[in-house]
Amino acid sequence: MLYIQPPMRNQFLKAALSSPLSVLGILIASSVVMRFFSFFPSVIDHDESTYIVIADAVRQGQVYLRDVVDTKPVGIFILFASFQTLFGKSIFVLRVITAVWVGITAWVIYLIHRRFSPNGPLPESNFGPVASGLLYICMTSIFTFFGVSPNTELFFVLFTLVALYLILTHEGHGWFFMAGLMLGLGFMIKYVVLFDAVAFGLFFIWLSIRKKQPWFYWFSRCAVMVVGFAMPLTAVWMYYNRLGMHDTFMFFSF
């Protein structure tokens, strides 16, 4: 039986965690392995089945909220319709895509944690951030309540985390617009993202005040972020308004 000495194990781990791209591969592979046995059941729950059926109907030209109706925003059905168009309608494939999505989400968690590591980008600082990503994968792949089924939470949280990463790592107005846009896309998957957006905005204002930034610094960036956030909702509203479904859209949305 092959035995690896502790120093060699440490060197192996440092090599494996030497770059964010290698960590991305590790986290995606871990997610696929952890969720492997969820790929095979024909039905896990009604949520996933609803997404698949309505997404296919949308691909066939039916209008959501008129021809097919559910209580969720249209974003999750557009996302599933995109998966079906690109990769086919196989339930097995859709669940593999979900596992990859979870792995990428765990990677963004790793990037955010790594941003605050004392050693910065050095390999020895990667153990904690990688553990954070792996914990997310475990939480969403073991307990049924947290997300063995491909549910909306598994998808919108990637958008919110990307937004948080952009807020923490960039200062340009364009990046804050992108952060707002990411939050807006997440909002179109599930409206609870609004509360994430408010929390992130307040967190950014708090950080800016701690750094003694002038009020216009944080106000202008928050304003740009709000504009980005509003764009997906505005586009969807304009689409339904053009179809003469303004009242229907407002009813289901608010």
Protein backbone atom coordinates (compact mmCIF):
# COMPACT_ATOMS: atom_id res chain seq x y z
CA MET A 1 0.00 0.00 0.00
CA LEU A 2 1.40 3.38 -1.05
CA TYR A 3 2.15 5.69 1.88
CA ILE A 4 2.80 9.38 1.34
CA GLN A 5 4.95 11.12 3.93
CA PRO A 6 3.34 14.21 5.57
CA PRO A 7 5.75 16.71 3.93
CA MET A 8 5.02 15.13 0.55
CA ARG A 9 1.28 15.29 1.26
CA ASN A 10 1.61 18.99 2.08
CA GLN A 11 3.53 19.61 -1.13
CA PHE A 12 0.92 17.68 -3.11
CA LEU A 13 -1.91 19.71 -1.57
CA LYS A 14 -0.11 22.98 -2.21
CA ALA A 15 0.46 21.97 -5.82
CA ALA A 16 -3.20 21.00 -6.23
CA LEU A 17 -4.31 24.29 -4.71
CA SER A 18 -1.70 26.41 -6.43
CA SER A 19 -4.13 28.31 -8.67
CA PRO A 20 -7.81 29.25 -8.71
CA LEU A 21 -8.34 27.26 -11.91
CA SER A 22 -7.08 24.05 -10.31
CA VAL A 23 -9.37 24.69 -7.35
CA LEU A 24 -12.27 25.21 -9.77
CA GLY A 25 -11.63 21.75 -11.20
CA ILE A 26 -11.43 20.20 -7.74
CA LEU A 27 -14.70 21.81 -6.60
CA ILE A 28 -16.62 20.88 -9.75
CA ALA A 29 -15.36 17.29 -9.54
CA SER A 30 -16.31 17.17 -5.84
CA SER A 31 -19.79 18.45 -6.62
CA VAL A 32 -20.33 15.87 -9.37
CA VAL A 33 -19.17 13.06 -7.08
CA MET A 34 -21.26 14.26 -4.12
CA ARG A 35 -24.41 14.62 -6.22
CA PHE A 36 -23.80 11.55 -8.40
CA PHE A 37 -26.63 9.42 -7.02
CA SER A 38 -29.12 12.25 -7.53
CA PHE A 39 -28.64 12.02 -11.30
CA PHE A 40 -30.69 8.87 -11.78
CA PRO A 41 -34.20 9.11 -10.21
CA SER A 42 -36.82 9.99 -12.81
CA VAL A 43 -38.47 12.42 -10.37
CA ILE A 44 -36.97 14.08 -7.28
CA ASP A 45 -39.69 16.61 -6.49
CA HIS A 46 -42.40 18.69 -8.12
CA ASP A 47 -40.22 21.83 -8.36
CA GLU A 48 -37.69 20.31 -10.74
CA SER A 49 -40.45 18.67 -12.80
CA THR A 50 -42.28 22.00 -13.08
CA TYR A 51 -39.14 23.78 -14.27
CA ILE A 52 -38.52 21.14 -16.94
CA VAL A 53 -42.10 21.06 -18.24
CA ILE A 54 -42.62 24.84 -18.33
CA ALA A 55 -39.15 25.48 -19.79
CA ASP A 56 -39.94 23.09 -22.62
CA ALA A 57 -43.28 24.85 -23.19
CA VAL A 58 -41.51 28.23 -23.35
CA ARG A 59 -39.10 26.78 -25.91
CA GLN A 60 -42.11 25.74 -28.00
CA GLY A 61 -43.36 29.34 -28.11
CA GLN A 62 -45.83 29.35 -25.22
CA VAL A 63 -45.92 32.48 -23.06
CA TYR A 64 -45.23 32.16 -19.37
CA LEU A 65 -48.05 33.58 -17.21
CA ARG A 66 -50.48 33.21 -20.10
CA ASP A 67 -50.20 29.69 -21.54
CA VAL A 68 -48.30 28.14 -18.63
CA VAL A 69 -48.38 29.55 -15.10
CA ASP A 70 -46.45 29.09 -11.87
CA THR A 71 -45.79 31.27 -8.85
CA LYS A 72 -42.07 31.78 -9.53
CA PRO A 73 -40.47 34.53 -11.65
CA VAL A 74 -39.72 33.72 -15.27
CA GLY A 75 -35.92 33.56 -14.81
CA ILE A 76 -35.68 29.93 -13.67
CA PHE A 77 -37.72 28.78 -16.68
CA ILE A 78 -35.60 30.79 -19.11
CA LEU A 79 -32.48 29.29 -17.51
CA PHE A 80 -33.80 25.73 -17.87
CA ALA A 81 -34.96 26.47 -21.41
CA SER A 82 -31.41 27.60 -22.21
CA PHE A 83 -30.01 24.37 -20.76
CA GLN A 84 -32.47 22.33 -22.85
CA THR A 85 -31.57 24.24 -26.01
CA LEU A 86 -27.83 23.89 -25.49
CA PHE A 87 -27.59 20.40 -23.98
CA GLY A 88 -30.86 18.62 -24.72
CA LYS A 89 -33.79 17.63 -22.53
CA SER A 90 -32.19 14.68 -20.74
CA ILE A 91 -32.98 14.83 -17.01
CA PHE A 92 -29.62 13.16 -16.31
CA VAL A 93 -27.77 15.91 -18.21
CA LEU A 94 -29.74 18.67 -16.48
CA ARG A 95 -28.71 17.29 -13.11
CA VAL A 96 -25.06 17.09 -14.18
CA ILE A 97 -25.31 20.74 -15.23
CA THR A 98 -26.75 21.54 -11.81
CA ALA A 99 -23.81 19.78 -10.14
CA VAL A 100 -21.37 21.81 -12.25
CA TRP A 101 -23.31 24.97 -11.34
CA VAL A 102 -23.01 24.10 -7.64
CA GLY A 103 -19.26 23.54 -8.10
CA ILE A 104 -18.85 26.95 -9.75
CA THR A 105 -20.85 28.55 -6.93
CA ALA A 106 -18.55 26.89 -4.39
CA TRP A 107 -15.59 28.31 -6.36
CA VAL A 108 -16.93 31.86 -6.03
CA ILE A 109 -17.30 31.25 -2.29
CA TYR A 110 -13.65 30.17 -2.33
CA LEU A 111 -12.66 33.37 -4.19
CA ILE A 112 -14.53 35.57 -1.69
CA HIS A 113 -12.96 33.80 1.31
CA ARG A 114 -9.54 33.94 -0.37
CA ARG A 115 -9.96 37.69 -0.79
CA PHE A 116 -9.82 38.03 3.00
CA SER A 117 -7.05 35.49 3.68
CA PRO A 118 -4.01 37.00 5.48
CA ASN A 119 -1.56 35.51 2.98
CA GLY A 120 -3.50 36.66 -0.08
CA PRO A 121 -2.97 34.50 -3.16
CA LEU A 122 -0.24 32.29 -1.67
CA PRO A 123 -1.00 28.52 -1.87
CA GLU A 124 -0.85 28.06 1.89
CA SER A 125 -3.77 30.48 2.25
CA ASN A 126 -6.03 28.30 0.10
CA PHE A 127 -6.94 25.61 2.63
CA GLY A 128 -9.57 27.67 4.46
CA PRO A 129 -11.22 29.06 1.31
CA VAL A 130 -11.31 25.60 -0.30
CA ALA A 131 -12.91 24.23 2.87
CA SER A 132 -15.61 26.90 2.57
CA GLY A 133 -16.39 25.78 -0.96
CA LEU A 134 -16.46 22.12 0.01
CA LEU A 135 -18.77 22.84 2.95
CA TYR A 136 -21.22 24.52 0.57
CA ILE A 137 -21.14 21.50 -1.73
CA CYS A 138 -21.74 19.14 1.20
CA MET A 139 -24.60 21.22 2.58
CA THR A 140 -26.41 21.35 -0.77
CA SER A 141 -25.71 17.74 -1.74
CA ILE A 142 -26.47 15.73 1.41
CA PHE A 143 -29.53 17.29 3.02
CA THR A 144 -32.69 17.13 0.91
CA PHE A 145 -34.01 20.40 2.33
CA PHE A 146 -30.97 22.40 1.19
CA GLY A 147 -30.90 21.41 -2.43
CA VAL A 148 -30.49 17.83 -3.65
CA SER A 149 -33.21 18.81 -6.11
CA PRO A 150 -32.24 21.47 -8.69
CA ASN A 151 -34.17 24.31 -7.06
CA THR A 152 -34.15 28.08 -7.49
CA GLU A 153 -31.84 28.63 -4.51
CA LEU A 154 -29.06 26.63 -6.14
CA PHE A 155 -29.19 28.88 -9.19
CA PHE A 156 -29.76 32.43 -7.93
CA VAL A 157 -27.08 32.22 -5.23
CA LEU A 158 -24.35 32.10 -7.92
CA PHE A 159 -25.52 35.49 -9.22
CA THR A 160 -25.60 37.02 -5.73
CA LEU A 161 -22.12 35.70 -4.90
CA VAL A 162 -20.63 37.02 -8.15
CA ALA A 163 -22.15 40.40 -7.29
CA LEU A 164 -20.62 40.29 -3.80
CA TYR A 165 -17.22 39.35 -5.24
CA LEU A 166 -17.34 42.29 -7.68
CA ILE A 167 -18.31 44.70 -4.89
CA LEU A 168 -15.43 43.52 -2.69
CA THR A 169 -12.72 43.44 -5.36
CA HIS A 170 -13.42 46.35 -7.73
CA GLU A 171 -14.04 50.07 -7.37
CA GLY A 172 -14.98 51.17 -10.88
CA HIS A 173 -18.55 52.19 -11.62
CA GLY A 174 -18.74 49.70 -14.48
CA TRP A 175 -18.06 46.83 -12.09
CA PHE A 176 -20.78 48.05 -9.76
CA PHE A 177 -23.17 48.16 -12.68
CA MET A 178 -22.26 44.53 -13.40
CA ALA A 179 -22.79 43.67 -9.73
CA GLY A 180 -26.25 45.23 -9.89
CA LEU A 181 -26.98 43.38 -13.10
CA MET A 182 -26.00 40.07 -11.49
CA LEU A 183 -28.33 40.80 -8.58
CA GLY A 184 -31.07 41.74 -11.03
CA LEU A 185 -30.68 38.44 -12.89
CA GLY A 186 -30.83 36.59 -9.58
CA PHE A 187 -33.94 38.60 -8.69
CA MET A 188 -35.64 37.30 -11.83
CA ILE A 189 -35.06 33.75 -10.55
CA LYS A 190 -36.40 34.45 -7.06
CA TYR A 191 -37.51 37.75 -5.58
CA VAL A 192 -35.84 37.17 -2.20
CA VAL A 193 -32.61 38.37 -3.90
CA LEU A 194 -33.92 41.90 -3.26
CA PHE A 195 -32.99 41.45 0.41
CA ASP A 196 -29.49 40.31 -0.59
CA ALA A 197 -29.13 43.42 -2.72
CA VAL A 198 -30.14 45.69 0.16
CA ALA A 199 -27.75 43.89 2.52
CA PHE A 200 -24.85 44.14 0.05
CA GLY A 201 -25.53 47.84 -0.51
CA LEU A 202 -25.56 48.58 3.22
CA PHE A 203 -22.41 46.49 3.69
CA PHE A 204 -20.63 48.45 0.96
CA ILE A 205 -21.72 51.77 2.50
CA TRP A 206 -20.40 50.60 5.87
CA LEU A 207 -17.05 49.62 4.34
CA SER A 208 -16.82 52.97 2.55
CA ILE A 209 -17.54 54.93 5.74
CA ARG A 210 -14.92 52.89 7.62
CA LYS A 211 -12.38 53.83 4.92
CA LYS A 212 -13.46 57.49 5.23
CA GLN A 213 -14.57 57.67 1.62
CA PRO A 214 -16.60 60.79 0.64
CA TRP A 215 -20.37 60.32 0.44
CA PHE A 216 -20.38 60.71 -3.34
CA TYR A 217 -18.03 57.68 -3.63
CA TRP A 218 -20.53 55.23 -2.19
CA PHE A 219 -23.68 57.05 -3.34
CA SER A 220 -22.67 57.05 -7.02
CA ARG A 221 -21.69 53.38 -6.97
CA CYS A 222 -24.90 52.36 -5.19
CA ALA A 223 -26.91 54.37 -7.73
CA VAL A 224 -25.18 52.62 -10.63
CA MET A 225 -25.79 49.28 -8.93
CA VAL A 226 -29.52 50.08 -8.62
CA VAL A 227 -29.66 50.86 -12.34
CA GLY A 228 -28.05 47.52 -13.17
CA PHE A 229 -30.40 45.74 -10.78
CA ALA A 230 -33.47 47.29 -12.42
CA MET A 231 -32.56 46.38 -16.00
CA PRO A 232 -33.63 42.68 -16.08
CA LEU A 233 -36.95 43.45 -14.36
CA THR A 234 -37.55 46.39 -16.71
CA ALA A 235 -36.84 44.23 -19.77
CA VAL A 236 -39.28 41.55 -18.61
CA TRP A 237 -41.92 44.16 -17.76
CA MET A 238 -41.57 45.72 -21.22
CA TYR A 239 -41.98 42.29 -22.81
CA TYR A 240 -45.23 41.59 -20.97
CA ASN A 241 -46.46 45.13 -21.49
CA ARG A 242 -45.99 44.67 -25.23
CA LEU A 243 -48.14 41.53 -25.05
CA GLY A 244 -50.86 43.48 -23.26
CA MET A 245 -50.20 41.54 -20.04
CA HIS A 246 -49.15 44.42 -17.80
CA ASP A 247 -51.80 43.70 -15.15
CA THR A 248 -51.04 39.96 -15.19
CA PHE A 249 -47.32 40.57 -14.75
CA MET A 250 -47.88 43.04 -11.92
CA PHE A 251 -50.27 40.66 -10.16
CA PHE A 252 -47.90 37.68 -10.22
CA SER A 253 -44.84 39.80 -9.42
CA PHE A 254 -46.13 41.92 -6.57
